[in-house]
């Protein structure tokens, strides 16, 4: 499975490579290596600053080259937008297939989980697709 090479990457705030990533860094790394899409870095925003992260992620996913994916049409490399500790979307994962995603959270390593997993199922807000892979 293509996602196997990204499993186990440790969380690193503002990390943008295989030595350590935050959630956006992991998304950015996979999209660049897997699809040739170079996303903005946002490396000046700490993943622990949920408010700032929410603003940057919302701006990135809800404008420009992104489109909302209708229910039932999600596929690999679509972005899963999720709530963090509060109600605002400030966390992202990337679909491995229509039923699983890869993501990384603070004090952990990147993992593949089913969308129905208790750790994510009630946090999912929407799914987005980059126009370069539409």
Protein backbone atom coordinates (compact mmCIF):
# COMPACT_ATOMS: atom_id res chain seq x y z
CA UNK A 1 0.00 0.00 0.00
CA UNK A 2 1.37 3.43 -0.93
CA UNK A 3 0.69 4.86 2.56
CA UNK A 4 2.96 2.33 4.31
CA UNK A 5 6.05 4.46 3.71
CA UNK A 6 4.44 7.33 5.68
CA UNK A 7 3.27 5.30 8.69
CA UNK A 8 5.33 5.86 11.82
CA UNK A 9 6.55 9.40 11.08
CA UNK A 10 6.78 11.13 14.46
CA UNK A 11 4.82 14.25 15.28
CA UNK A 12 6.97 17.35 15.08
CA UNK A 13 5.43 20.80 15.37
CA UNK A 14 6.08 22.66 12.10
CA UNK A 15 7.79 19.54 10.70
CA UNK A 16 7.65 19.16 6.94
CA UNK A 17 9.66 16.01 6.14
CA UNK A 18 9.96 12.32 6.99
CA UNK A 19 12.00 13.12 10.13
CA UNK A 20 8.84 14.59 11.70
CA UNK A 21 5.61 16.28 10.67
CA UNK A 22 2.57 17.96 12.09
CA UNK A 23 -0.74 17.15 10.39
CA UNK A 24 -0.33 19.75 7.62
CA UNK A 25 3.29 18.76 7.13
CA UNK A 26 2.30 15.12 6.61
CA UNK A 27 -0.41 16.12 4.14
CA UNK A 28 2.07 18.37 2.33
CA UNK A 29 4.77 15.67 2.22
CA UNK A 30 2.44 13.01 0.81
CA UNK A 31 0.82 15.32 -1.74
CA UNK A 32 4.23 16.47 -2.99
CA UNK A 33 5.76 12.99 -3.21
CA UNK A 34 2.62 11.09 -4.21
CA UNK A 35 0.90 13.54 -6.54
CA UNK A 36 3.45 16.22 -7.39
CA UNK A 37 1.30 18.89 -5.74
CA UNK A 38 3.27 21.51 -3.81
CA UNK A 39 1.02 22.86 -1.04
CA UNK A 40 1.81 25.99 0.99
CA UNK A 41 4.09 25.26 3.95
CA UNK A 42 2.39 27.16 6.80
CA UNK A 43 5.54 26.36 8.78
CA UNK A 44 5.20 29.62 10.72
CA UNK A 45 2.00 28.34 12.35
CA UNK A 46 2.32 26.05 15.34
CA UNK A 47 0.06 23.01 15.28
CA UNK A 48 -0.56 23.64 18.98
CA UNK A 49 -2.06 27.06 18.17
CA UNK A 50 -5.43 25.65 17.19
CA UNK A 51 -6.96 29.02 16.35
CA UNK A 52 -4.17 30.01 13.94
CA UNK A 53 -4.07 26.50 12.47
CA UNK A 54 -7.84 26.56 11.95
CA UNK A 55 -7.61 29.84 10.05
CA UNK A 56 -4.79 28.66 7.78
CA UNK A 57 -6.35 25.26 7.11
CA UNK A 58 -9.77 26.81 6.41
CA UNK A 59 -8.20 29.32 4.04
CA UNK A 60 -6.25 26.58 2.25
CA UNK A 61 -9.05 24.03 1.95
CA UNK A 62 -12.03 26.29 1.39
CA UNK A 63 -10.61 28.44 -1.39
CA UNK A 64 -8.32 28.34 -4.37
CA UNK A 65 -7.56 24.95 -5.90
CA UNK A 66 -9.78 22.93 -3.55
CA UNK A 67 -13.30 21.62 -4.01
CA UNK A 68 -15.72 20.05 -1.55
CA UNK A 69 -16.23 16.32 -2.17
CA UNK A 70 -19.87 15.15 -2.09
CA UNK A 71 -20.75 12.34 0.33
CA UNK A 72 -19.98 8.91 -1.09
CA UNK A 73 -17.47 10.21 -3.67
CA UNK A 74 -14.34 10.37 -1.50
CA UNK A 75 -11.21 8.61 -2.74
CA UNK A 76 -7.49 8.28 -2.08
CA UNK A 77 -5.59 11.56 -1.70
CA UNK A 78 -8.68 13.54 -0.69
CA UNK A 79 -8.16 15.68 2.42
CA UNK A 80 -10.22 15.03 5.55
CA UNK A 81 -10.85 18.23 7.50
CA UNK A 82 -11.43 17.61 11.22
CA UNK A 83 -12.05 19.42 14.45
CA UNK A 84 -9.28 19.51 17.01
CA UNK A 85 -9.92 19.91 20.71
CA UNK A 86 -12.65 22.49 20.10
CA UNK A 87 -15.31 22.98 17.49
CA UNK A 88 -13.14 24.64 14.82
CA UNK A 89 -11.60 22.55 12.05
CA UNK A 90 -7.86 22.61 12.77
CA UNK A 91 -6.67 19.12 11.87
CA UNK A 92 -6.24 17.30 8.56
CA UNK A 93 -5.73 13.77 7.38
CA UNK A 94 -5.42 12.25 3.92
CA UNK A 95 -7.55 9.44 2.58
CA UNK A 96 -5.72 6.21 1.82
CA UNK A 97 -8.90 4.90 0.21
CA UNK A 98 -12.62 5.65 0.62
CA UNK A 99 -12.70 4.16 4.14
CA UNK A 100 -9.32 4.92 5.76
CA UNK A 101 -7.06 7.89 6.29
CA UNK A 102 -3.52 8.63 7.41
CA UNK A 103 -2.85 11.41 9.90
CA UNK A 104 -0.57 12.41 12.77
CA UNK A 105 -1.40 14.03 16.07
CA UNK A 106 0.63 15.55 18.87
CA UNK A 107 2.69 13.08 20.91
CA UNK A 108 2.17 10.31 18.40
CA UNK A 109 3.29 8.97 15.06
CA UNK A 110 1.45 8.90 11.75
CA UNK A 111 -1.13 6.13 11.55
CA UNK A 112 -3.75 4.78 9.18
CA UNK A 113 -7.18 4.57 10.79
CA UNK A 114 -10.67 3.74 9.53
CA UNK A 115 -12.95 6.77 9.20
CA UNK A 116 -15.20 4.97 11.68
CA UNK A 117 -12.45 4.84 14.35
CA UNK A 118 -13.49 6.36 17.66
CA UNK A 119 -10.52 8.75 17.53
CA UNK A 120 -11.78 10.52 14.39
CA UNK A 121 -15.36 9.63 13.45
CA UNK A 122 -17.06 12.43 15.41
CA UNK A 123 -14.44 15.02 14.43
CA UNK A 124 -14.78 14.85 10.63
CA UNK A 125 -16.18 18.07 9.17
CA UNK A 126 -15.74 17.62 5.42
CA UNK A 127 -13.64 16.14 2.63
CA UNK A 128 -11.79 18.23 0.04
CA UNK A 129 -10.07 17.45 -3.25
CA UNK A 130 -7.23 19.40 -4.86
CA UNK A 131 -7.94 20.35 -8.47
CA UNK A 132 -4.60 18.90 -9.57
CA UNK A 133 -5.92 15.41 -8.82
CA UNK A 134 -9.57 15.83 -9.77
